[in-house]
């Protein structure tokens, strides 16, 4: 028993010595500063997505992100512009809104991330019928080049997040 106490007390002494004299405090400060910086970078990266307050602009961002394997094709851009004109009434400022939506879409790591950040906006500001229309618009863009398995899964997640499909 005295040997165990001796070993534990020696170990405790060296841990305290390391912590006080050899930079242990600084090590923990650096770790917490790294975590804070990483959290700040992530918050800064997603800030444009969280700043969207118009569901129409959020829908445009999702339509731009659904073909995420690459940039949208010309046919997809054309379909998105048609939706912007007909459903959203963006005729006069179409180019400005498309440019802004493309910038915001580059801030998202994936369609799933953007859908997660924007789903609260859709649930608060859109009716059930409008949410169905939103999902149909995104499906229409995905169907232009044939929806892949990843796109189909992403659309199912979007439906669940906006309350159109039962949660699994």
Protein backbone atom coordinates (compact mmCIF):
# COMPACT_ATOMS: atom_id res chain seq x y z
CA UNK A 1 0.00 0.00 0.00
CA UNK A 2 2.76 2.52 0.83
CA UNK A 3 4.33 1.84 -2.58
CA UNK A 4 1.05 2.67 -4.36
CA UNK A 5 0.78 5.92 -2.39
CA UNK A 6 4.39 6.75 -3.27
CA UNK A 7 3.83 6.08 -6.99
CA UNK A 8 0.57 8.07 -7.08
CA UNK A 9 2.05 11.01 -5.17
CA UNK A 10 5.13 11.06 -7.44
CA UNK A 11 2.91 10.99 -10.49
CA UNK A 12 0.75 13.78 -9.06
CA UNK A 13 3.86 15.86 -8.31
CA UNK A 14 5.15 15.56 -11.88
CA UNK A 15 1.74 16.33 -13.38
CA UNK A 16 1.51 19.48 -11.28
CA UNK A 17 5.12 20.37 -12.11
CA UNK A 18 4.45 19.93 -15.83
CA UNK A 19 1.24 21.91 -15.60
CA UNK A 20 2.83 24.87 -13.80
CA UNK A 21 6.45 24.96 -14.98
CA UNK A 22 6.61 23.27 -18.33
CA UNK A 23 3.76 24.94 -20.20
CA UNK A 24 0.75 22.81 -19.33
CA UNK A 25 -1.38 25.90 -18.77
CA UNK A 26 -0.35 27.28 -22.15
CA UNK A 27 -1.12 23.96 -23.78
CA UNK A 28 -4.71 24.09 -22.54
CA UNK A 29 -5.05 27.76 -23.52
CA UNK A 30 -3.82 26.98 -27.04
CA UNK A 31 -6.29 24.09 -27.33
CA UNK A 32 -9.23 26.27 -26.32
CA UNK A 33 -8.07 29.08 -28.64
CA UNK A 34 -7.87 26.59 -31.53
CA UNK A 35 -11.40 25.38 -30.83
CA UNK A 36 -12.70 28.97 -30.67
CA UNK A 37 -10.98 29.86 -33.97
CA UNK A 38 -12.36 26.75 -35.69
CA UNK A 39 -15.87 27.55 -34.45
CA UNK A 40 -15.50 31.18 -35.60
CA UNK A 41 -14.31 30.08 -39.06
CA UNK A 42 -17.25 27.71 -39.41
CA UNK A 43 -19.67 30.41 -38.29
CA UNK A 44 -18.12 32.88 -40.74
CA UNK A 45 -18.34 30.37 -43.59
CA UNK A 46 -22.05 29.67 -43.04
CA UNK A 47 -23.04 33.27 -42.20
CA UNK A 48 -24.38 34.05 -45.70
CA UNK A 49 -26.67 31.00 -45.51
CA UNK A 50 -27.97 31.96 -42.08
CA UNK A 51 -28.52 35.56 -43.24
CA UNK A 52 -31.12 34.61 -45.87
CA UNK A 53 -34.55 35.78 -44.79
CA UNK A 54 -36.52 35.31 -48.02
CA UNK A 55 -37.67 31.73 -48.74
CA UNK A 56 -37.49 32.43 -52.48
CA UNK A 57 -33.78 33.23 -52.27
CA UNK A 58 -33.24 30.14 -50.12
CA UNK A 59 -35.03 28.02 -52.73
CA UNK A 60 -32.74 29.37 -55.45
CA UNK A 61 -29.69 28.43 -53.38
CA UNK A 62 -31.01 24.89 -52.94
CA UNK A 63 -31.71 24.60 -56.66
CA UNK A 64 -28.12 25.67 -57.36
CA UNK A 65 -26.75 23.14 -54.88
CA UNK A 66 -28.69 20.03 -55.94
CA UNK A 67 -26.36 19.19 -58.86
CA UNK A 68 -23.41 19.49 -56.42
CA UNK A 69 -21.19 16.93 -58.15
CA UNK A 70 -20.35 19.85 -60.42
CA UNK A 71 -21.67 23.26 -61.32
CA UNK A 72 -25.19 23.38 -62.74
CA UNK A 73 -25.41 22.81 -66.47
CA UNK A 74 -26.79 25.36 -68.90
CA UNK A 75 -30.10 23.52 -68.94
CA UNK A 76 -30.26 23.64 -65.16
CA UNK A 77 -29.41 27.36 -65.10
CA UNK A 78 -32.09 27.97 -67.70
CA UNK A 79 -34.65 26.01 -65.68
CA UNK A 80 -33.72 27.89 -62.50
CA UNK A 81 -34.09 31.22 -64.32
CA UNK A 82 -37.48 30.15 -65.66
CA UNK A 83 -38.62 29.29 -62.14
CA UNK A 84 -37.27 32.62 -60.89
CA UNK A 85 -39.31 34.46 -63.49
CA UNK A 86 -42.54 32.48 -63.38
CA UNK A 87 -42.89 31.36 -59.76
CA UNK A 88 -40.96 34.06 -57.91
CA UNK A 89 -41.55 37.09 -60.14
CA UNK A 90 -37.87 38.04 -60.39
CA UNK A 91 -37.74 39.67 -63.82
CA UNK A 92 -36.08 43.03 -63.32
CA UNK A 93 -33.35 41.91 -60.93
CA UNK A 94 -32.83 38.36 -62.18
CA UNK A 95 -29.08 38.69 -62.74
CA UNK A 96 -28.42 40.30 -59.36
CA UNK A 97 -30.42 37.66 -57.48
CA UNK A 98 -28.79 34.83 -59.40
CA UNK A 99 -25.32 36.25 -58.69
CA UNK A 100 -26.09 36.60 -55.00
CA UNK A 101 -27.54 33.08 -54.82
CA UNK A 102 -24.48 31.63 -56.58
CA UNK A 103 -22.21 33.32 -54.05
CA UNK A 104 -24.24 32.01 -51.13
CA UNK A 105 -24.27 28.53 -52.67
CA UNK A 106 -20.46 28.52 -52.72
CA UNK A 107 -20.49 29.08 -48.95
CA UNK A 108 -22.28 25.79 -48.32
CA UNK A 109 -20.27 22.60 -48.02
CA UNK A 110 -23.17 20.53 -49.35
CA UNK A 111 -26.85 20.49 -50.19
CA UNK A 112 -27.54 18.76 -46.88
CA UNK A 113 -25.82 21.51 -44.89
CA UNK A 114 -27.75 24.24 -46.70
CA UNK A 115 -31.01 22.32 -46.34
CA UNK A 116 -30.41 21.95 -42.62
CA UNK A 117 -29.66 25.64 -42.14
CA UNK A 118 -32.59 26.79 -44.29
CA UNK A 119 -35.23 24.28 -43.17
CA UNK A 120 -36.20 26.39 -40.17
CA UNK A 121 -36.86 29.35 -42.50
CA UNK A 122 -39.04 27.17 -44.75
CA UNK A 123 -40.98 25.72 -41.82
CA UNK A 124 -41.68 29.16 -40.33
CA UNK A 125 -42.47 31.13 -43.47
CA UNK A 126 -44.07 28.65 -45.91
CA UNK A 127 -47.32 26.80 -45.86
CA UNK A 128 -47.45 23.05 -46.45
CA UNK A 129 -48.46 23.59 -50.07
CA UNK A 130 -45.60 26.02 -50.64
CA UNK A 131 -43.14 23.55 -49.09
CA UNK A 132 -44.42 20.86 -51.47
CA UNK A 133 -43.92 23.28 -54.35
CA UNK A 134 -40.38 24.00 -53.12
CA UNK A 135 -39.48 20.30 -53.07
CA UNK A 136 -41.03 19.87 -56.53
CA UNK A 137 -38.92 22.74 -57.89
CA UNK A 138 -35.71 21.23 -56.53
CA UNK A 139 -36.73 17.81 -57.88
CA UNK A 140 -37.35 19.37 -61.29
CA UNK A 141 -33.79 20.77 -61.35
CA UNK A 142 -32.34 17.42 -60.23
CA UNK A 143 -34.32 15.57 -62.90
CA UNK A 144 -32.79 17.56 -65.77
CA UNK A 145 -29.66 15.40 -65.83
CA UNK A 146 -31.41 12.47 -64.18
CA UNK A 147 -31.44 12.39 -60.40
CA UNK A 148 -28.55 10.42 -58.98
CA UNK A 149 -28.79 8.27 -55.87
CA UNK A 150 -27.18 11.06 -53.85
CA UNK A 151 -29.66 13.62 -55.14
CA UNK A 152 -32.60 11.34 -54.38
CA UNK A 153 -31.33 10.80 -50.83
CA UNK A 154 -30.76 14.56 -50.38
CA UNK A 155 -34.29 15.29 -51.58
CA UNK A 156 -35.72 12.75 -49.13
CA UNK A 157 -33.81 14.44 -46.30
CA UNK A 158 -35.13 17.83 -47.44
CA UNK A 159 -38.69 16.50 -47.42
CA UNK A 160 -38.23 15.26 -43.85
CA UNK A 161 -36.69 18.53 -42.70
CA UNK A 162 -39.53 20.63 -44.07
CA UNK A 163 -42.11 18.32 -42.55
CA UNK A 164 -43.42 16.61 -45.67
CA UNK A 165 -42.19 13.09 -44.97
CA UNK A 166 -42.29 11.17 -41.70
CA UNK A 167 -39.03 11.12 -39.75
CA UNK A 168 -37.17 7.83 -39.70
